[in-house]
Amino acid sequence: MNQIKGPLLFRLFCRAVWLFSPKYHIEGRENLPDEPCVIVGNHSQMYGPIAAELWVPGEPYTWCTAEMMDRKQVPDYAYQDFWSGKPRSVRWFFRLLSYAIAPLAQYIFTHARTIAVHRDAHVIGTFRDSVARLQEGRNLVIFPEHYTPYNNVVHEFQDRFIDVARMYSRSAGRDLVFVPLYVAPRLKTLFFGAPVVFQPDAPLADERQRICRELMNEITRMAAAQPEHTVVPYPNVPRRQYPKNIPVEDLTHEA
């Protein structure tokens, strides 16, 4: 478990989460470079962010949507993103819950090792904060999935996070490395895969596509290489709909 810093209440909360969440084994640690990098993983609902805070080596900083760090914005974002797919008969409960968790969410995500991710003109601050952390020698963790399926293991990645590599290359004078992470709660393991290096001389649009594809495919490969297990998907769907890992040839998209 990583060292938890911050106010006593936050440390007690993290300890409680640690007690009731998987205790992860790390595989592929050798794929983490000596220099700062960006670790890109499957979200696995809340398992991914919890693992990033408590278990990913190096005590990295995790990208967190800014709405979950603002008490006023938490209810609408949490309900839409977490619970809008619930049966109509119980949505009222989850709507109330979205308001109830707002103070706690703001407290947790503002005290955790997070970088606020904005979707407006303030996004430049997200990238500047990210580059600053990298220049301090800290790794970043990003869970960029959205609701379009890529295969049974991972959903399509939003690709603009790749842009941090261009800013970092210009300021640090070296190419940023992206390391794929497969979060496997059912196996109680975090798998780190083969790194992908940003190529600053290539067109940025091409790099976004190439790097996302290689990361998604490597996460898929790692999942499919393990014994049969249940994959915790990005969407908050009923557990009976959770997929299984299946052979690489059935899952991996061609480059």
Protein backbone atom coordinates (compact mmCIF):
# COMPACT_ATOMS: atom_id res chain seq x y z
CA MET A 1 0.00 0.00 0.00
CA ASN A 2 1.28 3.48 -0.85
CA GLN A 3 1.90 5.97 1.92
CA ILE A 4 -1.20 8.11 2.42
CA LYS A 5 -0.70 11.76 3.29
CA GLY A 6 -3.14 14.49 4.20
CA PRO A 7 -5.59 15.25 7.02
CA LEU A 8 -6.36 12.56 9.57
CA LEU A 9 -9.93 12.11 8.31
CA PHE A 10 -8.69 11.51 4.76
CA ARG A 11 -6.10 9.01 5.96
CA LEU A 12 -8.73 7.17 7.98
CA PHE A 13 -11.01 7.03 4.95
CA CYS A 14 -8.21 5.60 2.79
CA ARG A 15 -7.45 3.00 5.43
CA ALA A 16 -11.11 1.95 5.47
CA VAL A 17 -11.12 1.69 1.67
CA TRP A 18 -7.94 -0.37 1.83
CA LEU A 19 -9.56 -2.79 4.27
CA PHE A 20 -12.50 -3.52 1.96
CA SER A 21 -10.86 -3.35 -1.48
CA PRO A 22 -8.59 -5.87 -3.27
CA LYS A 23 -4.97 -6.15 -2.13
CA TYR A 24 -3.19 -6.03 -5.47
CA HIS A 25 -0.16 -7.94 -6.67
CA ILE A 26 1.97 -6.09 -9.22
CA GLU A 27 3.10 -7.76 -12.47
CA GLY A 28 5.20 -6.14 -15.17
CA ARG A 29 6.84 -3.62 -12.88
CA GLU A 30 9.88 -3.74 -15.18
CA ASN A 31 7.78 -1.96 -17.84
CA LEU A 32 7.72 1.21 -15.72
CA PRO A 33 10.61 3.38 -16.93
CA ASP A 34 13.03 5.20 -14.66
CA GLU A 35 11.90 8.56 -16.05
CA PRO A 36 8.42 10.00 -15.46
CA CYS A 37 5.66 8.41 -17.54
CA VAL A 38 1.91 8.34 -18.08
CA ILE A 39 0.19 5.14 -16.96
CA VAL A 40 -3.01 4.52 -18.95
CA GLY A 41 -5.49 1.95 -17.71
CA ASN A 42 -8.96 0.48 -17.94
CA HIS A 43 -11.20 2.34 -15.50
CA SER A 44 -12.79 -0.79 -13.99
CA GLN A 45 -15.43 1.46 -12.38
CA MET A 46 -13.99 2.73 -9.08
CA TYR A 47 -11.38 -0.04 -8.83
CA GLY A 48 -9.00 1.79 -11.15
CA PRO A 49 -8.87 5.12 -9.29
CA ILE A 50 -8.66 3.36 -5.92
CA ALA A 51 -5.78 1.20 -7.16
CA ALA A 52 -4.01 4.30 -8.49
CA GLU A 53 -4.18 6.02 -5.10
CA LEU A 54 -3.31 3.00 -2.97
CA TRP A 55 -1.29 0.55 -5.07
CA VAL A 56 0.30 1.91 -8.26
CA PRO A 57 4.04 2.24 -7.56
CA GLY A 58 5.57 5.65 -7.13
CA GLU A 59 2.54 7.43 -5.63
CA PRO A 60 1.46 8.98 -8.95
CA TYR A 61 -1.08 11.72 -9.63
CA THR A 62 -4.38 10.67 -11.19
CA TRP A 63 -6.50 12.66 -13.61
CA CYS A 64 -9.92 13.31 -12.05
CA THR A 65 -12.87 14.99 -13.74
CA ALA A 66 -13.24 18.47 -12.28
CA GLU A 67 -16.97 17.98 -11.69
CA MET A 68 -16.24 15.42 -8.96
CA MET A 69 -14.15 18.02 -7.14
CA ASP A 70 -16.91 20.64 -7.04
CA ARG A 71 -19.73 20.03 -4.56
CA LYS A 72 -22.25 21.85 -6.74
CA GLN A 73 -21.43 19.81 -9.83
CA VAL A 74 -21.10 16.38 -8.21
CA PRO A 75 -24.83 15.45 -8.16
CA ASP A 76 -25.52 15.94 -11.87
CA TYR A 77 -22.24 14.37 -12.96
CA ALA A 78 -22.41 11.41 -10.57
CA TYR A 79 -26.01 10.59 -11.41
CA GLN A 80 -25.47 10.80 -15.17
CA ASP A 81 -22.17 8.95 -15.21
CA PHE A 82 -22.77 6.31 -12.52
CA TRP A 83 -26.48 5.65 -12.19
CA SER A 84 -28.53 6.97 -15.12
CA GLY A 85 -28.75 3.42 -16.50
CA LYS A 86 -30.41 2.04 -13.39
CA PRO A 87 -34.02 0.76 -13.65
CA ARG A 88 -36.51 3.60 -13.72
CA SER A 89 -38.17 2.35 -10.53
CA VAL A 90 -35.05 3.01 -8.42
CA ARG A 91 -33.57 6.05 -10.15
CA TRP A 92 -35.11 8.36 -7.55
CA PHE A 93 -32.95 6.70 -4.89
CA PHE A 94 -29.75 7.17 -6.85
CA ARG A 95 -30.69 10.75 -7.64
CA LEU A 96 -30.93 11.42 -3.90
CA LEU A 97 -27.70 9.52 -3.36
CA SER A 98 -25.93 11.74 -5.88
CA TYR A 99 -26.69 14.74 -3.65
CA ALA A 100 -25.77 12.89 -0.47
CA ILE A 101 -22.28 11.97 -1.69
CA ALA A 102 -21.41 15.47 -2.94
CA PRO A 103 -19.62 16.74 0.22
CA LEU A 104 -17.71 13.48 0.63
CA ALA A 105 -16.71 13.35 -3.03
CA GLN A 106 -15.38 16.88 -2.95
CA TYR A 107 -13.41 16.16 0.21
CA ILE A 108 -11.89 12.92 -1.08
CA PHE A 109 -10.93 14.06 -4.55
CA THR A 110 -9.45 17.36 -3.42
CA HIS A 111 -7.24 15.64 -0.84
CA ALA A 112 -6.18 12.68 -3.00
CA ARG A 113 -3.26 12.91 -5.43
CA THR A 114 -5.37 14.25 -8.28
CA ILE A 115 -5.19 16.65 -11.20
CA ALA A 116 -8.50 18.27 -12.12
CA VAL A 117 -9.55 17.57 -15.71
CA HIS A 118 -11.57 20.38 -17.26
CA ARG A 119 -13.65 20.22 -20.43
CA ASP A 120 -13.63 23.94 -21.22
CA ALA A 121 -11.08 26.70 -21.65
CA HIS A 122 -9.55 25.73 -18.30
CA VAL A 123 -8.25 22.50 -19.85
CA ILE A 124 -4.94 24.22 -20.47
CA GLY A 125 -4.53 24.23 -16.70
CA THR A 126 -4.94 20.46 -16.69
CA PHE A 127 -2.07 20.06 -19.12
CA ARG A 128 0.14 22.59 -17.35
CA ASP A 129 -0.41 20.88 -14.00
CA SER A 130 0.32 17.51 -15.61
CA VAL A 131 3.58 18.69 -17.16
CA ALA A 132 4.60 20.27 -13.84
CA ARG A 133 4.09 16.97 -12.02
CA LEU A 134 6.04 15.08 -14.66
CA GLN A 135 8.90 17.57 -14.38
CA GLU A 136 8.88 16.97 -10.62
CA GLY A 137 9.53 13.30 -11.40
CA ARG A 138 6.01 12.06 -10.65
CA ASN A 139 4.05 9.68 -12.87
CA LEU A 140 0.50 10.34 -14.04
CA VAL A 141 -2.36 7.84 -14.16
CA ILE A 142 -5.16 8.37 -16.67
CA PHE A 143 -8.33 6.32 -17.23
CA PRO A 144 -9.56 7.67 -20.59
CA GLU A 145 -12.41 5.25 -21.44
CA HIS A 146 -15.81 6.46 -22.60
CA TYR A 147 -19.02 4.63 -23.43
CA THR A 148 -18.19 3.28 -26.90
CA PRO A 149 -17.06 -0.37 -26.60
CA TYR A 150 -13.73 -1.35 -28.16
CA ASN A 151 -14.00 -4.99 -27.17
CA ASN A 152 -14.99 -7.08 -24.15
CA VAL A 153 -12.09 -5.81 -22.05
CA VAL A 154 -11.84 -2.09 -22.71
CA HIS A 155 -13.93 0.77 -24.06
CA GLU A 156 -12.68 3.31 -26.59
CA PHE A 157 -10.22 5.88 -25.26
CA GLN A 158 -10.81 9.59 -25.44
CA ASP A 159 -7.60 10.61 -27.15
CA ARG A 160 -6.83 14.22 -26.15
CA PHE A 161 -4.80 13.14 -23.14
CA ILE A 162 -2.04 12.34 -25.63
CA ASP A 163 -1.52 16.09 -26.05
CA VAL A 164 0.29 16.27 -22.71
CA ALA A 165 3.16 14.46 -24.44
CA ARG A 166 3.68 17.28 -26.93
CA MET A 167 3.81 19.89 -24.15
CA TYR A 168 6.16 17.71 -22.11
CA SER A 169 8.48 17.07 -25.06
CA ARG A 170 8.78 20.78 -25.73
CA SER A 171 9.46 21.71 -22.11
CA ALA A 172 11.56 18.74 -20.98
CA GLY A 173 13.36 17.98 -24.22
CA ARG A 174 12.57 14.26 -24.12
CA ASP A 175 9.84 11.97 -25.40
CA LEU A 176 7.08 10.91 -23.03
CA VAL A 177 6.40 7.23 -22.41
CA PHE A 178 2.88 5.79 -22.03
CA VAL A 179 2.56 2.54 -20.06
CA PRO A 180 -0.61 0.42 -20.39
CA LEU A 181 -2.21 -0.85 -17.19
CA TYR A 182 -4.73 -3.66 -16.89
CA VAL A 183 -6.66 -3.41 -13.63
CA ALA A 184 -7.96 -6.89 -12.76
CA PRO A 185 -9.90 -6.76 -9.47
CA ARG A 186 -11.04 -10.38 -9.77
CA LEU A 187 -7.40 -11.51 -10.03
CA LYS A 188 -6.25 -8.96 -7.43
CA THR A 189 -3.49 -7.96 -9.82
CA LEU A 190 -2.29 -4.85 -11.64
CA PHE A 191 -0.58 -5.71 -14.93
CA PHE A 192 1.81 -3.22 -16.57
CA GLY A 193 2.43 -3.80 -20.26
CA ALA A 194 4.85 -2.82 -23.01
CA PRO A 195 5.44 0.96 -23.11
CA VAL A 196 4.53 3.17 -26.07
CA VAL A 197 6.74 6.17 -26.83
CA PHE A 198 5.38 9.46 -28.18
CA GLN A 199 6.91 10.54 -31.50
CA PRO A 200 7.00 14.36 -31.51
CA ASP A 201 7.84 14.63 -35.22
CA ALA A 202 4.71 12.72 -36.31
CA PRO A 203 1.37 14.51 -36.86
CA LEU A 204 -0.40 14.86 -33.53
CA ALA A 205 -3.69 13.45 -34.85
CA ASP A 206 -1.85 10.33 -36.03
CA GLU A 207 -0.10 9.97 -32.67
CA ARG A 208 -3.38 10.20 -30.79
CA GLN A 209 -4.80 7.38 -32.87
CA ARG A 210 -1.67 5.21 -32.84
CA ILE A 211 -0.93 5.47 -29.15
CA CYS A 212 -4.54 4.89 -28.07
CA ARG A 213 -4.83 1.86 -30.32
CA GLU A 214 -1.57 0.35 -29.08
CA LEU A 215 -2.52 0.94 -25.45
CA MET A 216 -6.00 -0.58 -25.85
CA ASN A 217 -4.59 -3.57 -27.68
CA GLU A 218 -1.90 -4.17 -25.07
CA ILE A 219 -4.45 -3.99 -22.24
CA THR A 220 -6.56 -6.48 -24.19
CA ARG A 221 -3.57 -8.77 -24.72
CA MET A 222 -2.70 -8.76 -21.03
CA ALA A 223 -6.28 -9.55 -20.05
CA ALA A 224 -6.61 -12.36 -22.57
CA ALA A 225 -3.31 -13.90 -21.46
CA GLN A 226 -4.64 -14.54 -17.95
CA PRO A 227 -6.77 -17.44 -16.70
CA GLU A 228 -10.46 -17.02 -17.38
CA HIS A 229 -11.93 -14.35 -15.16
CA THR A 230 -14.61 -11.69 -14.99
CA VAL A 231 -13.66 -8.27 -16.32
CA VAL A 232 -15.05 -5.32 -14.37
CA PRO A 233 -16.18 -3.02 -17.20
CA TYR A 234 -16.13 0.76 -17.39
CA PRO A 235 -19.95 1.23 -17.39
CA ASN A 236 -21.86 0.65 -14.18
CA VAL A 237 -23.95 -2.24 -15.52
CA PRO A 238 -25.53 -5.16 -13.60
CA ARG A 239 -22.96 -7.78 -12.60
CA ARG A 240 -24.65 -10.44 -14.71
CA GLN A 241 -23.58 -8.35 -17.74
CA TYR A 242 -19.88 -8.28 -16.79
CA PRO A 243 -17.84 -9.85 -19.61
CA LYS A 244 -15.18 -12.54 -19.46
CA ASN A 245 -11.70 -12.25 -20.88
CA ILE A 246 -11.46 -14.17 -24.15
CA PRO A 247 -8.62 -15.06 -26.56
CA VAL A 248 -6.54 -12.29 -28.05
CA GLU A 249 -7.45 -13.18 -31.63
CA ASP A 250 -11.12 -12.60 -30.81
CA LEU A 251 -10.56 -9.28 -29.07
CA THR A 252 -7.61 -7.35 -30.42
CA HIS A 253 -8.26 -4.91 -33.25
CA GLU A 254 -5.81 -5.03 -36.10
CA ALA A 255 -3.28 -2.20 -36.23
